[in-house]
């Protein structure tokens, strides 16, 4: 039986870094250069083009997850 391959397979950076970059971009509506700067302050050197490519490749999955977690209008559980 074959083991499933991670969707981050063959990328230079770890999955946590890629995931966090894409999450920052979509969650806080930052620009690609802003995300690049945040990671530069943390000692991770990457370009805004890299962030852009990751957002194109992995962004839809993250955006769907954020949309699923957000409360819906008129949801009675949102006020508890």
C-alpha atoms as a PDB file:
ATOM      1  CA  UNK A   1       0.000   0.000   0.000  1.00  0.00           C
ATOM      2  CA  UNK A   2       1.345   3.421  -0.919  1.00  0.00           C
ATOM      3  CA  UNK A   3       1.593   6.149   1.652  1.00  0.00           C
ATOM      4  CA  UNK A   4      -0.018   9.466   0.720  1.00  0.00           C
ATOM      5  CA  UNK A   5       2.420  12.159  -0.328  1.00  0.00           C
ATOM      6  CA  UNK A   6       2.209  15.480   1.468  1.00  0.00           C
ATOM      7  CA  UNK A   7       1.069  18.378  -0.682  1.00  0.00           C
ATOM      8  CA  UNK A   8       4.167  20.238   0.542  1.00  0.00           C
ATOM      9  CA  UNK A   9       6.466  17.503  -0.784  1.00  0.00           C
ATOM     10  CA  UNK A  10       9.570  18.770  -2.641  1.00  0.00           C
ATOM     11  CA  UNK A  11       9.402  22.303  -1.277  1.00  0.00           C
ATOM     12  CA  UNK A  12      12.464  23.948   0.217  1.00  0.00           C
ATOM     13  CA  UNK A  13      10.722  25.131   3.378  1.00  0.00           C
ATOM     14  CA  UNK A  14       8.932  23.038   5.966  1.00  0.00           C
ATOM     15  CA  UNK A  15       5.171  22.649   5.755  1.00  0.00           C
ATOM     16  CA  UNK A  16       4.677  24.765   8.910  1.00  0.00           C
ATOM     17  CA  UNK A  17       6.391  27.775   7.340  1.00  0.00           C
ATOM     18  CA  UNK A  18       4.465  27.510   4.075  1.00  0.00           C
ATOM     19  CA  UNK A  19       1.194  27.041   5.904  1.00  0.00           C
ATOM     20  CA  UNK A  20       1.864  29.995   8.210  1.00  0.00           C
ATOM     21  CA  UNK A  21       2.739  32.294   5.288  1.00  0.00           C
ATOM     22  CA  UNK A  22      -0.441  31.435   3.438  1.00  0.00           C
ATOM     23  CA  UNK A  23      -2.489  31.750   6.643  1.00  0.00           C
ATOM     24  CA  UNK A  24      -1.059  35.218   7.366  1.00  0.00           C
ATOM     25  CA  UNK A  25      -1.802  36.388   3.839  1.00  0.00           C
ATOM     26  CA  UNK A  26      -5.428  35.268   3.849  1.00  0.00           C
ATOM     27  CA  UNK A  27      -6.322  35.823   7.517  1.00  0.00           C
ATOM     28  CA  UNK A  28      -5.008  39.362   7.906  1.00  0.00           C
ATOM     29  CA  UNK A  29      -5.171  40.557   4.277  1.00  0.00           C
ATOM     30  CA  UNK A  30      -1.463  41.342   4.220  1.00  0.00           C
ATOM     31  CA  UNK A  31       0.458  41.944   1.023  1.00  0.00           C
ATOM     32  CA  UNK A  32       3.035  39.448  -0.199  1.00  0.00           C
ATOM     33  CA  UNK A  33       5.778  41.885   0.766  1.00  0.00           C
ATOM     34  CA  UNK A  34       4.310  42.268   4.264  1.00  0.00           C
ATOM     35  CA  UNK A  35       4.430  38.508   4.777  1.00  0.00           C
ATOM     36  CA  UNK A  36       7.998  38.486   3.440  1.00  0.00           C
ATOM     37  CA  UNK A  37       8.922  41.196   5.956  1.00  0.00           C
ATOM     38  CA  UNK A  38       7.295  39.356   8.887  1.00  0.00           C
ATOM     39  CA  UNK A  39       9.369  36.282   8.138  1.00  0.00           C
ATOM     40  CA  UNK A  40      12.520  38.336   7.570  1.00  0.00           C
ATOM     41  CA  UNK A  41      12.144  39.676  11.103  1.00  0.00           C
ATOM     42  CA  UNK A  42      12.004  36.048  12.282  1.00  0.00           C
ATOM     43  CA  UNK A  43      15.166  35.149  10.377  1.00  0.00           C
ATOM     44  CA  UNK A  44      13.544  33.305   7.456  1.00  0.00           C
ATOM     45  CA  UNK A  45      14.754  34.573   4.096  1.00  0.00           C
ATOM     46  CA  UNK A  46      12.202  34.231   1.309  1.00  0.00           C
ATOM     47  CA  UNK A  47      10.932  36.457  -1.475  1.00  0.00           C
ATOM     48  CA  UNK A  48       7.498  37.894  -2.010  1.00  0.00           C
ATOM     49  CA  UNK A  49       7.335  35.882  -5.235  1.00  0.00           C
ATOM     50  CA  UNK A  50       7.686  32.702  -3.191  1.00  0.00           C
ATOM     51  CA  UNK A  51       4.796  33.787  -0.973  1.00  0.00           C
ATOM     52  CA  UNK A  52       2.747  34.592  -4.088  1.00  0.00           C
ATOM     53  CA  UNK A  53       3.388  31.140  -5.583  1.00  0.00           C
ATOM     54  CA  UNK A  54       2.451  29.436  -2.302  1.00  0.00           C
ATOM     55  CA  UNK A  55      -0.756  31.438  -2.061  1.00  0.00           C
ATOM     56  CA  UNK A  56      -1.694  30.451  -5.600  1.00  0.00           C
ATOM     57  CA  UNK A  57      -0.884  26.794  -5.004  1.00  0.00           C
ATOM     58  CA  UNK A  58      -2.125  26.266  -1.430  1.00  0.00           C
ATOM     59  CA  UNK A  59      -4.369  29.273  -0.864  1.00  0.00           C
ATOM     60  CA  UNK A  60      -7.717  27.831  -1.797  1.00  0.00           C
ATOM     61  CA  UNK A  61      -7.419  25.097   0.819  1.00  0.00           C
ATOM     62  CA  UNK A  62      -6.595  27.638   3.544  1.00  0.00           C
ATOM     63  CA  UNK A  63      -9.300  30.055   2.424  1.00  0.00           C
ATOM     64  CA  UNK A  64     -11.902  27.277   2.547  1.00  0.00           C
ATOM     65  CA  UNK A  65     -10.787  26.358   6.067  1.00  0.00           C
ATOM     66  CA  UNK A  66     -11.051  29.953   7.266  1.00  0.00           C
ATOM     67  CA  UNK A  67     -14.471  30.346   5.662  1.00  0.00           C
ATOM     68  CA  UNK A  68     -15.684  27.139   7.307  1.00  0.00           C
ATOM     69  CA  UNK A  69     -14.579  28.311  10.775  1.00  0.00           C
ATOM     70  CA  UNK A  70     -16.092  31.797  10.595  1.00  0.00           C
ATOM     71  CA  UNK A  71     -19.544  32.300  12.129  1.00  0.00           C
ATOM     72  CA  UNK A  72     -22.447  32.696   9.719  1.00  0.00           C
ATOM     73  CA  UNK A  73     -24.824  35.660   9.886  1.00  0.00           C
ATOM     74  CA  UNK A  74     -27.720  34.869  12.180  1.00  0.00           C
ATOM     75  CA  UNK A  75     -25.951  31.932  13.775  1.00  0.00           C
ATOM     76  CA  UNK A  76     -27.178  31.683  17.390  1.00  0.00           C
ATOM     77  CA  UNK A  77     -23.900  30.018  18.454  1.00  0.00           C
ATOM     78  CA  UNK A  78     -21.934  33.147  17.463  1.00  0.00           C
ATOM     79  CA  UNK A  79     -23.285  35.062  20.466  1.00  0.00           C
ATOM     80  CA  UNK A  80     -22.459  32.510  23.140  1.00  0.00           C
END
